[in-house]
Structures are given as structure tokens and as C-alpha cells.
Amino acid sequence: MTERLEMYRCEICGNLVQVILSGEGELVCCGQPMKLMKPNSADNVGLEKHVPVYVHKEIGCEIQVGSTLHPMNDDHYIMFIESISEDKNRVKLQYLHPGEEAKMILEEKLGKEKALEYCNLHGLWEGESD
């Protein structure tokens, strides 16, 4: 059974799917089951420049990837940042492209939340707000 907001990846073609509504079925792509992605974090990998960090501003807050911003080159970049409320009822997603900063501005904080980001080379990473 899938759970809301889990991410699955096809190991053949690279499709990345996020569950909107959970169900009993198995997610399949290219004729084989998709793999559930478990995000990396500072806790399970050590200090890494891929962990999303919440930075409080005068108005709102921003999520930046890494305490030192992650590079955004053509061959190594953050593909998206997503903010998810603790109750999983509110989500904000921002796609990024090479040359942009690895940041997402939150004008309205969702309370206690977590951020996910996806690096084209190093996969899925997670960080939590304070």
C-alpha cells in the first residue's frame, strides 16, 4: 500500500512519481515495480551540502539547499524543492533549473514542516523546520 506524498522512481527510465492519494495497488513502470525513495538527511549520511535548510527572514522564510548553496550547473543541479506541512495537508513545490539559486521562498510558513529536494546526481534529501 502506498502512502500520501511518498515518492517512487523507475530504475529503468527515471520517472519520478509522488503519490497524491494512497491506494492498495503497486506502482509499476517499464514493466517492473517502482522503487520507494527514502530521503537522505544529515542524520543518515553525515554533514552534506544537499540537506534543505530553513532560513528565517524578516518576512517569511526561505528554504535553501545546503548551508553553503548547492551548485546549479548544467551537469549538477537541484531539480525541485518541496515544502510539506507536518499533517501533509499543504504542499508547495518549486521546480529549479541550472543557473538559478537553489532556494525557495516561503511567504507563508506551513507551521512545523519538512522540505524535500531532488538533486539530479545525488537523489532525494530531507530537512526539517525548527
Protein backbone atom coordinates (compact mmCIF):
# COMPACT_ATOMS: atom_id res chain seq x y z
CA MET A 1 0.00 0.00 0.00
CA THR A 2 1.27 3.45 -0.87
CA GLU A 3 1.10 6.48 1.43
CA ARG A 4 0.26 10.06 0.53
CA LEU A 5 3.28 12.09 -0.67
CA GLU A 6 5.67 9.13 -0.93
CA MET A 7 7.95 9.26 -3.98
CA TYR A 8 8.66 6.33 -6.25
CA ARG A 9 11.26 6.09 -9.03
CA CYS A 10 11.51 3.82 -12.06
CA GLU A 11 15.00 2.33 -12.17
CA ILE A 12 14.77 1.89 -15.96
CA CYS A 13 13.53 5.22 -17.35
CA GLY A 14 13.92 7.52 -14.32
CA ASN A 15 10.25 8.53 -13.99
CA LEU A 16 9.63 10.04 -10.55
CA VAL A 17 6.09 9.77 -9.15
CA GLN A 18 4.62 11.29 -6.00
CA VAL A 19 1.51 9.69 -4.51
CA ILE A 20 -1.40 12.16 -4.29
CA LEU A 21 -3.98 9.70 -2.92
CA SER A 22 -2.85 6.43 -1.37
CA GLY A 23 -4.12 3.10 -2.66
CA GLU A 24 -3.73 -0.65 -2.43
CA GLY A 25 -2.09 -1.23 -5.83
CA GLU A 26 1.58 -1.49 -6.75
CA LEU A 27 3.15 1.29 -8.81
CA VAL A 28 4.68 -0.15 -11.98
CA CYS A 29 6.69 1.50 -14.76
CA CYS A 30 8.53 -0.08 -17.71
CA GLY A 31 7.11 -3.47 -16.69
CA GLN A 32 8.58 -3.55 -13.17
CA PRO A 33 7.65 -2.25 -9.69
CA MET A 34 8.79 1.28 -8.96
CA LYS A 35 11.24 1.76 -6.07
CA LEU A 36 10.14 3.72 -2.98
CA MET A 37 12.58 6.58 -2.43
CA LYS A 38 13.72 7.20 1.13
CA PRO A 39 15.22 10.68 1.50
CA ASN A 40 18.78 11.12 2.75
CA SER A 41 19.37 13.53 5.63
CA ALA A 42 22.25 14.80 7.73
CA ASP A 43 21.25 12.12 10.26
CA ASN A 44 21.81 9.14 7.97
CA VAL A 45 24.63 10.38 5.73
CA GLY A 46 26.57 12.92 7.79
CA LEU A 47 27.10 16.59 7.04
CA GLU A 48 26.07 17.01 3.44
CA LYS A 49 25.51 20.08 1.29
CA HIS A 50 22.27 18.60 -0.05
CA VAL A 51 20.16 18.95 3.11
CA PRO A 52 17.43 21.61 2.81
CA VAL A 53 17.90 24.36 5.42
CA TYR A 54 15.22 26.77 6.64
CA VAL A 55 16.44 30.38 6.84
CA HIS A 56 14.13 32.80 8.67
CA LYS A 57 13.73 36.22 7.09
CA GLU A 58 12.08 39.44 8.27
CA ILE A 59 9.02 38.48 6.26
CA GLY A 60 8.55 34.76 5.76
CA CYS A 61 11.30 32.26 5.32
CA GLU A 62 13.27 30.54 2.61
CA ILE A 63 14.49 27.03 2.07
CA GLN A 64 18.00 26.80 0.68
CA VAL A 65 19.78 23.63 -0.30
CA GLY A 66 22.84 23.25 1.90
CA SER A 67 24.31 25.60 4.47
CA THR A 68 26.52 26.67 1.55
CA LEU A 69 24.32 26.87 -1.54
CA HIS A 70 24.36 23.81 -3.75
CA PRO A 71 25.81 24.40 -7.24
CA MET A 72 23.36 24.83 -10.09
CA ASN A 73 25.44 23.80 -13.11
CA ASP A 74 24.18 22.11 -16.27
CA ASP A 75 25.56 18.75 -15.13
CA HIS A 76 24.81 19.01 -11.37
CA TYR A 77 21.77 20.86 -10.03
CA ILE A 78 18.69 20.73 -7.82
CA MET A 79 15.62 19.81 -9.88
CA PHE A 80 12.98 20.81 -7.30
CA ILE A 81 12.34 21.83 -3.70
CA GLU A 82 9.11 20.86 -1.94
CA SER A 83 7.74 22.03 1.42
CA ILE A 84 5.26 19.72 3.20
CA SER A 85 3.27 20.57 6.34
CA GLU A 86 3.53 18.15 9.26
CA ASP A 87 -0.07 16.96 8.73
CA LYS A 88 0.64 16.50 4.98
CA ASN A 89 -2.35 18.67 4.08
CA ARG A 90 -0.38 21.53 2.48
CA VAL A 91 2.41 21.29 -0.08
CA LYS A 92 4.41 23.86 -2.01
CA LEU A 93 6.59 22.75 -4.92
CA GLN A 94 9.09 24.76 -6.92
CA TYR A 95 10.99 23.46 -9.94
CA LEU A 96 14.52 24.79 -10.45
CA HIS A 97 16.87 24.96 -13.44
CA PRO A 98 20.64 25.29 -13.93
CA GLY A 99 21.80 28.87 -13.33
CA GLU A 100 19.13 29.63 -10.71
CA GLU A 101 19.81 29.70 -6.98
CA ALA A 102 18.99 26.54 -5.03
CA LYS A 103 16.35 28.35 -2.94
CA MET A 104 12.59 28.51 -2.47
CA ILE A 105 10.90 31.49 -0.82
CA LEU A 106 8.01 30.79 1.56
CA GLU A 107 5.85 33.85 2.07
CA GLU A 108 3.65 31.83 4.41
CA LYS A 109 5.13 29.15 6.63
CA LEU A 110 3.08 25.95 6.96
CA GLY A 111 3.84 25.55 10.68
CA LYS A 112 6.11 22.61 11.52
CA GLU A 113 7.15 21.23 8.16
CA LYS A 114 9.76 19.34 6.23
CA ALA A 115 11.45 20.14 2.95
CA LEU A 116 12.45 17.70 0.24
CA GLU A 117 14.84 18.41 -2.60
CA TYR A 118 15.94 16.33 -5.53
CA CYS A 119 19.49 16.55 -6.93
CA ASN A 120 19.93 15.20 -10.45
CA LEU A 121 23.08 13.31 -9.34
CA HIS A 122 22.56 12.55 -5.63
CA GLY A 123 18.83 11.93 -5.35
CA LEU A 124 16.28 12.84 -2.69
CA TRP A 125 17.19 14.76 0.51
CA GLU A 126 15.14 15.94 3.50
CA GLY A 127 15.43 18.68 6.12
CA GLU A 128 13.04 19.86 8.84
CA SER A 129 11.98 23.28 10.08
CA ASP A 130 12.54 24.26 13.69
